[in-house]
């Protein structure tokens, strides 16, 4: 649900003004969508599918949403019982809105962090996170290099049986994913969004 640089993207014409958490203790809670160029909230039906895949109860999970945007993926996780959720965002306006949301919901398990998503993941190498959410900007020439960097860093941050979620403008195949030590577990497509749930490849 990411923001692309203003120089390369415009805000979607029909961008929603809010999204709703769809499960857990904050079910139906509205999250505002700040008017920022390129901000692209993950559609509700995609989030519903994702959390059907992950399971409705994430009690005790440790998660990071590395390109947080509206924070919907991370807040969905916290709503479903995740013990630790980090929302990483570079844009100052989005960061401020995330902080307001966390304060309003008294979301003690959620921490907002300003910075680059890939760098934040690299700092967490070896920490054995349960799930990493990746929804990087689409509008940087498709940005395969950014996706690969994020996937490689995510692979190092998750536990051996952990999960990596990726949104991208196209489907990534197993040959590409194997380059960064991941494999496709499940995937789907909704409009222009391809979404993937990935697992680490077994250690050789």
C-alpha atoms as a PDB file:
ATOM      1  CA  UNK A   1       0.000   0.000   0.000  1.00  0.00           C
ATOM      2  CA  UNK A   2       2.809   2.151  -0.974  1.00  0.00           C
ATOM      3  CA  UNK A   3       3.682   5.613  -2.029  1.00  0.00           C
ATOM      4  CA  UNK A   4       5.735   6.107  -5.156  1.00  0.00           C
ATOM      5  CA  UNK A   5       7.830   9.249  -5.667  1.00  0.00           C
ATOM      6  CA  UNK A   6       5.777  12.237  -6.795  1.00  0.00           C
ATOM      7  CA  UNK A   7       8.004  12.709  -9.812  1.00  0.00           C
ATOM      8  CA  UNK A   8       7.094   9.262 -11.195  1.00  0.00           C
ATOM      9  CA  UNK A   9       3.510   8.737 -10.117  1.00  0.00           C
ATOM     10  CA  UNK A  10       0.221  10.454  -9.542  1.00  0.00           C
ATOM     11  CA  UNK A  11      -2.297   9.596  -6.882  1.00  0.00           C
ATOM     12  CA  UNK A  12      -4.842   7.109  -8.253  1.00  0.00           C
ATOM     13  CA  UNK A  13      -7.923   8.934  -9.548  1.00  0.00           C
ATOM     14  CA  UNK A  14     -10.308   6.809  -7.504  1.00  0.00           C
ATOM     15  CA  UNK A  15      -8.089   6.269  -4.487  1.00  0.00           C
ATOM     16  CA  UNK A  16     -10.166   5.513  -1.362  1.00  0.00           C
ATOM     17  CA  UNK A  17     -10.166   8.019   1.477  1.00  0.00           C
ATOM     18  CA  UNK A  18     -10.096   5.242   4.022  1.00  0.00           C
ATOM     19  CA  UNK A  19      -9.672   1.500   4.346  1.00  0.00           C
ATOM     20  CA  UNK A  20     -11.109  -0.768   7.010  1.00  0.00           C
ATOM     21  CA  UNK A  21      -9.420  -3.415   9.105  1.00  0.00           C
ATOM     22  CA  UNK A  22     -11.253  -6.595   8.194  1.00  0.00           C
ATOM     23  CA  UNK A  23     -10.576  -8.910  11.142  1.00  0.00           C
ATOM     24  CA  UNK A  24      -9.588  -9.221  14.781  1.00  0.00           C
ATOM     25  CA  UNK A  25     -10.114  -6.861  17.704  1.00  0.00           C
ATOM     26  CA  UNK A  26     -10.240  -3.756  15.490  1.00  0.00           C
ATOM     27  CA  UNK A  27     -12.510  -5.250  12.843  1.00  0.00           C
ATOM     28  CA  UNK A  28     -14.285  -2.522  10.820  1.00  0.00           C
ATOM     29  CA  UNK A  29     -11.985   0.177  12.237  1.00  0.00           C
ATOM     30  CA  UNK A  30     -11.277   2.828   9.612  1.00  0.00           C
ATOM     31  CA  UNK A  31      -7.723   3.731   8.636  1.00  0.00           C
ATOM     32  CA  UNK A  32      -7.418   7.070   6.825  1.00  0.00           C
ATOM     33  CA  UNK A  33      -5.699   7.164   3.447  1.00  0.00           C
ATOM     34  CA  UNK A  34      -3.556  10.288   3.339  1.00  0.00           C
ATOM     35  CA  UNK A  35      -3.642  12.092   0.001  1.00  0.00           C
ATOM     36  CA  UNK A  36      -0.137  11.324  -1.206  1.00  0.00           C
ATOM     37  CA  UNK A  37       1.060  10.717  -4.780  1.00  0.00           C
ATOM     38  CA  UNK A  38       1.043   7.024  -5.639  1.00  0.00           C
ATOM     39  CA  UNK A  39      -0.387   5.785  -2.355  1.00  0.00           C
ATOM     40  CA  UNK A  40      -2.030   2.478  -3.246  1.00  0.00           C
ATOM     41  CA  UNK A  41      -3.843   0.744  -0.383  1.00  0.00           C
ATOM     42  CA  UNK A  42      -3.968  -3.038  -0.619  1.00  0.00           C
ATOM     43  CA  UNK A  43      -7.544  -3.876  -1.692  1.00  0.00           C
ATOM     44  CA  UNK A  44      -9.775  -5.373   0.992  1.00  0.00           C
ATOM     45  CA  UNK A  45     -10.339  -8.556  -1.003  1.00  0.00           C
ATOM     46  CA  UNK A  46      -6.584  -9.069  -1.304  1.00  0.00           C
ATOM     47  CA  UNK A  47      -6.103  -8.585   2.430  1.00  0.00           C
ATOM     48  CA  UNK A  48      -8.957 -10.978   3.108  1.00  0.00           C
ATOM     49  CA  UNK A  49      -7.305 -13.632   0.933  1.00  0.00           C
ATOM     50  CA  UNK A  50      -3.905 -13.029   2.514  1.00  0.00           C
ATOM     51  CA  UNK A  51      -5.172 -13.435   6.054  1.00  0.00           C
ATOM     52  CA  UNK A  52      -7.100 -16.534   5.068  1.00  0.00           C
ATOM     53  CA  UNK A  53      -3.746 -17.909   3.942  1.00  0.00           C
ATOM     54  CA  UNK A  54      -1.916 -16.767   7.071  1.00  0.00           C
ATOM     55  CA  UNK A  55      -4.689 -17.790   9.445  1.00  0.00           C
ATOM     56  CA  UNK A  56      -7.015 -15.575  11.420  1.00  0.00           C
ATOM     57  CA  UNK A  57      -5.079 -15.891  14.702  1.00  0.00           C
ATOM     58  CA  UNK A  58      -1.562 -14.444  14.632  1.00  0.00           C
ATOM     59  CA  UNK A  59      -1.090 -14.535  18.411  1.00  0.00           C
ATOM     60  CA  UNK A  60       2.557 -14.122  19.296  1.00  0.00           C
ATOM     61  CA  UNK A  61       3.780 -13.454  15.753  1.00  0.00           C
ATOM     62  CA  UNK A  62       6.566 -10.970  15.026  1.00  0.00           C
ATOM     63  CA  UNK A  63       5.991  -8.975  11.838  1.00  0.00           C
ATOM     64  CA  UNK A  64       7.369  -6.092   9.834  1.00  0.00           C
ATOM     65  CA  UNK A  65       5.587  -4.071   7.147  1.00  0.00           C
ATOM     66  CA  UNK A  66       8.603  -2.691   5.326  1.00  0.00           C
ATOM     67  CA  UNK A  67       6.784  -0.216   3.040  1.00  0.00           C
ATOM     68  CA  UNK A  68       3.893   0.569   5.350  1.00  0.00           C
ATOM     69  CA  UNK A  69       1.897   3.317   3.572  1.00  0.00           C
ATOM     70  CA  UNK A  70      -1.497   3.278   5.325  1.00  0.00           C
ATOM     71  CA  UNK A  71      -0.287   0.538   7.669  1.00  0.00           C
ATOM     72  CA  UNK A  72      -3.203  -1.752   6.788  1.00  0.00           C
ATOM     73  CA  UNK A  73      -1.143  -4.946   6.557  1.00  0.00           C
ATOM     74  CA  UNK A  74       0.651  -4.352   9.824  1.00  0.00           C
ATOM     75  CA  UNK A  75      -2.455  -3.193  11.647  1.00  0.00           C
ATOM     76  CA  UNK A  76      -4.376  -6.240  10.414  1.00  0.00           C
ATOM     77  CA  UNK A  77      -1.645  -8.382  11.960  1.00  0.00           C
ATOM     78  CA  UNK A  78      -1.772  -6.547  15.278  1.00  0.00           C
ATOM     79  CA  UNK A  79      -5.572  -6.733  15.269  1.00  0.00           C
ATOM     80  CA  UNK A  80      -5.247 -10.522  15.019  1.00  0.00           C
ATOM     81  CA  UNK A  81      -2.897 -10.823  17.975  1.00  0.00           C
ATOM     82  CA  UNK A  82       0.630 -10.283  16.634  1.00  0.00           C
ATOM     83  CA  UNK A  83       2.993  -9.608  19.517  1.00  0.00           C
ATOM     84  CA  UNK A  84       5.311  -7.271  17.621  1.00  0.00           C
ATOM     85  CA  UNK A  85       4.596  -5.248  14.487  1.00  0.00           C
ATOM     86  CA  UNK A  86       6.990  -2.704  12.973  1.00  0.00           C
ATOM     87  CA  UNK A  87       5.667  -0.235  10.396  1.00  0.00           C
ATOM     88  CA  UNK A  88       8.475   1.255   8.301  1.00  0.00           C
ATOM     89  CA  UNK A  89       7.753   4.332   6.175  1.00  0.00           C
ATOM     90  CA  UNK A  90       9.828   7.145   4.649  1.00  0.00           C
ATOM     91  CA  UNK A  91       7.153   9.727   3.848  1.00  0.00           C
ATOM     92  CA  UNK A  92       6.745  12.219   6.710  1.00  0.00           C
ATOM     93  CA  UNK A  93       2.988  12.738   6.216  1.00  0.00           C
ATOM     94  CA  UNK A  94       2.305   9.006   6.122  1.00  0.00           C
ATOM     95  CA  UNK A  95       4.566   8.468   9.114  1.00  0.00           C
ATOM     96  CA  UNK A  96       2.627  11.061  11.117  1.00  0.00           C
ATOM     97  CA  UNK A  97      -0.694   9.432  10.184  1.00  0.00           C
ATOM     98  CA  UNK A  98       0.605   5.996  11.188  1.00  0.00           C
ATOM     99  CA  UNK A  99       1.657   7.372  14.567  1.00  0.00           C
ATOM    100  CA  UNK A 100      -1.775   8.925  15.094  1.00  0.00           C
ATOM    101  CA  UNK A 101      -3.459   5.633  14.244  1.00  0.00           C
ATOM    102  CA  UNK A 102      -1.273   3.662  16.642  1.00  0.00           C
ATOM    103  CA  UNK A 103      -1.988   6.169  19.425  1.00  0.00           C
ATOM    104  CA  UNK A 104      -5.735   6.228  18.713  1.00  0.00           C
ATOM    105  CA  UNK A 105      -6.011   2.443  18.848  1.00  0.00           C
ATOM    106  CA  UNK A 106      -3.620   2.135  21.801  1.00  0.00           C
ATOM    107  CA  UNK A 107      -1.792  -0.445  19.723  1.00  0.00           C
ATOM    108  CA  UNK A 108       0.987  -1.252  22.173  1.00  0.00           C
ATOM    109  CA  UNK A 109       2.384  -4.044  19.974  1.00  0.00           C
ATOM    110  CA  UNK A 110       2.941  -1.684  17.029  1.00  0.00           C
ATOM    111  CA  UNK A 111       6.020   0.466  16.530  1.00  0.00           C
ATOM    112  CA  UNK A 112       6.341   3.091  13.787  1.00  0.00           C
ATOM    113  CA  UNK A 113       9.801   3.563  12.334  1.00  0.00           C
ATOM    114  CA  UNK A 114      10.962   6.127   9.798  1.00  0.00           C
ATOM    115  CA  UNK A 115      13.369   4.823   7.207  1.00  0.00           C
ATOM    116  CA  UNK A 116      14.045   2.786   4.100  1.00  0.00           C
ATOM    117  CA  UNK A 117      12.271  -0.563   4.024  1.00  0.00           C
ATOM    118  CA  UNK A 118      15.178  -2.560   2.604  1.00  0.00           C
ATOM    119  CA  UNK A 119      17.627  -1.063   5.096  1.00  0.00           C
ATOM    120  CA  UNK A 120      15.238  -1.826   7.953  1.00  0.00           C
ATOM    121  CA  UNK A 121      15.073  -5.457   6.842  1.00  0.00           C
ATOM    122  CA  UNK A 122      18.840  -5.729   6.542  1.00  0.00           C
ATOM    123  CA  UNK A 123      19.150  -4.485  10.110  1.00  0.00           C
ATOM    124  CA  UNK A 124      16.939  -7.393  11.180  1.00  0.00           C
ATOM    125  CA  UNK A 125      18.940 -10.153   9.500  1.00  0.00           C
ATOM    126  CA  UNK A 126      18.912 -13.256  11.653  1.00  0.00           C
ATOM    127  CA  UNK A 127      16.061 -12.095  13.897  1.00  0.00           C
ATOM    128  CA  UNK A 128      13.730 -14.908  12.844  1.00  0.00           C
ATOM    129  CA  UNK A 129      10.601 -12.876  12.120  1.00  0.00           C
ATOM    130  CA  UNK A 130       7.389 -14.773  11.434  1.00  0.00           C
ATOM    131  CA  UNK A 131       6.269 -12.730   8.442  1.00  0.00           C
ATOM    132  CA  UNK A 132       7.599  -9.862   6.343  1.00  0.00           C
ATOM    133  CA  UNK A 133       5.152  -7.754   4.314  1.00  0.00           C
ATOM    134  CA  UNK A 134       6.532  -6.214   1.114  1.00  0.00           C
ATOM    135  CA  UNK A 135       4.488  -3.790  -0.949  1.00  0.00           C
ATOM    136  CA  UNK A 136       7.124  -1.555  -2.564  1.00  0.00           C
ATOM    137  CA  UNK A 137       6.340   1.249  -5.033  1.00  0.00           C
ATOM    138  CA  UNK A 138       5.173   0.056  -8.436  1.00  0.00           C
ATOM    139  CA  UNK A 139       6.102   3.169 -10.377  1.00  0.00           C
ATOM    140  CA  UNK A 140       9.870   3.051 -10.667  1.00  0.00           C
ATOM    141  CA  UNK A 141      10.196   1.394 -14.065  1.00  0.00           C
ATOM    142  CA  UNK A 142       8.519  -1.730 -12.599  1.00  0.00           C
ATOM    143  CA  UNK A 143      11.352  -1.747 -10.090  1.00  0.00           C
ATOM    144  CA  UNK A 144      12.498  -5.349 -10.287  1.00  0.00           C
ATOM    145  CA  UNK A 145      15.804  -4.343  -8.679  1.00  0.00           C
ATOM    146  CA  UNK A 146      14.008  -2.915  -5.640  1.00  0.00           C
ATOM    147  CA  UNK A 147      11.851  -6.033  -5.334  1.00  0.00           C
ATOM    148  CA  UNK A 148      14.889  -8.308  -5.518  1.00  0.00           C
ATOM    149  CA  UNK A 149      16.730  -6.277  -2.880  1.00  0.00           C
ATOM    150  CA  UNK A 150      13.692  -6.337  -0.605  1.00  0.00           C
ATOM    151  CA  UNK A 151      13.163 -10.071  -1.089  1.00  0.00           C
ATOM    152  CA  UNK A 152      16.802 -10.864  -0.373  1.00  0.00           C
ATOM    153  CA  UNK A 153      16.715  -8.790   2.812  1.00  0.00           C
ATOM    154  CA  UNK A 154      13.383 -10.329   3.842  1.00  0.00           C
ATOM    155  CA  UNK A 155      14.777 -13.841   3.393  1.00  0.00           C
ATOM    156  CA  UNK A 156      17.521 -13.052   5.887  1.00  0.00           C
ATOM    157  CA  UNK A 157      15.063 -11.553   8.386  1.00  0.00           C
ATOM    158  CA  UNK A 158      12.494 -14.375   8.523  1.00  0.00           C
ATOM    159  CA  UNK A 159      12.821 -17.668  10.345  1.00  0.00           C
ATOM    160  CA  UNK A 160      13.412 -20.843   8.322  1.00  0.00           C
ATOM    161  CA  UNK A 161       9.685 -21.669   8.310  1.00  0.00           C
ATOM    162  CA  UNK A 162       8.574 -18.041   8.123  1.00  0.00           C
ATOM    163  CA  UNK A 163       6.649 -16.264   5.371  1.00  0.00           C
ATOM    164  CA  UNK A 164       7.194 -13.326   3.029  1.00  0.00           C
ATOM    165  CA  UNK A 165       4.265 -11.516   1.422  1.00  0.00           C
ATOM    166  CA  UNK A 166       4.897  -9.609  -1.817  1.00  0.00           C
ATOM    167  CA  UNK A 167       2.724  -7.286  -3.886  1.00  0.00           C
ATOM    168  CA  UNK A 168       4.009  -6.450  -7.347  1.00  0.00           C
ATOM    169  CA  UNK A 169       2.767  -5.421 -10.786  1.00  0.00           C
ATOM    170  CA  UNK A 170       3.501  -8.920 -12.120  1.00  0.00           C
ATOM    171  CA  UNK A 171       3.788 -12.503 -10.933  1.00  0.00           C
ATOM    172  CA  UNK A 172       7.246 -13.575  -9.814  1.00  0.00           C
ATOM    173  CA  UNK A 173       8.176 -17.153 -10.706  1.00  0.00           C
ATOM    174  CA  UNK A 174      10.158 -19.774  -8.801  1.00  0.00           C
ATOM    175  CA  UNK A 175      13.301 -19.359 -10.906  1.00  0.00           C
ATOM    176  CA  UNK A 176      13.459 -15.653 -10.064  1.00  0.00           C
ATOM    177  CA  UNK A 177      12.603 -16.222  -6.421  1.00  0.00           C
ATOM    178  CA  UNK A 178      15.211 -18.968  -6.034  1.00  0.00           C
ATOM    179  CA  UNK A 179      17.921 -16.358  -6.672  1.00  0.00           C
ATOM    180  CA  UNK A 180      17.110 -14.886  -3.251  1.00  0.00           C
ATOM    181  CA  UNK A 181      16.382 -18.149  -1.460  1.00  0.00           C
ATOM    182  CA  UNK A 182      12.578 -18.087  -1.668  1.00  0.00           C
ATOM    183  CA  UNK A 183       9.866 -20.146  -3.307  1.00  0.00           C
ATOM    184  CA  UNK A 184       6.263 -19.493  -4.259  1.00  0.00           C
ATOM    185  CA  UNK A 185       3.741 -20.882  -1.786  1.00  0.00           C
ATOM    186  CA  UNK A 186       0.536 -19.223  -3.004  1.00  0.00           C
ATOM    187  CA  UNK A 187      -0.329 -16.363  -5.304  1.00  0.00           C
ATOM    188  CA  UNK A 188      -3.248 -14.503  -6.853  1.00  0.00           C
ATOM    189  CA  UNK A 189      -4.058 -11.486  -8.981  1.00  0.00           C
ATOM    190  CA  UNK A 190      -6.560  -8.663  -8.464  1.00  0.00           C
ATOM    191  CA  UNK A 191      -6.631  -6.057 -11.201  1.00  0.00           C
ATOM    192  CA  UNK A 192      -3.124  -4.671 -11.626  1.00  0.00           C
ATOM    193  CA  UNK A 193      -1.888  -6.269  -8.394  1.00  0.00           C
ATOM    194  CA  UNK A 194      -0.137  -9.638  -8.259  1.00  0.00           C
ATOM    195  CA  UNK A 195       0.157 -10.895  -4.695  1.00  0.00           C
ATOM    196  CA  UNK A 196       2.362 -13.709  -3.466  1.00  0.00           C
ATOM    197  CA  UNK A 197       2.978 -15.662  -0.286  1.00  0.00           C
ATOM    198  CA  UNK A 198       6.521 -17.007  -0.253  1.00  0.00           C
ATOM    199  CA  UNK A 199       8.495 -19.470   1.853  1.00  0.00           C
ATOM    200  CA  UNK A 200      12.257 -19.812   2.334  1.00  0.00           C
ATOM    201  CA  UNK A 201      13.887 -22.529   0.312  1.00  0.00           C
ATOM    202  CA  UNK A 202      15.294 -25.329   2.470  1.00  0.00           C
ATOM    203  CA  UNK A 203      18.910 -24.806   3.381  1.00  0.00           C
ATOM    204  CA  UNK A 204      21.252 -26.767   1.110  1.00  0.00           C
END
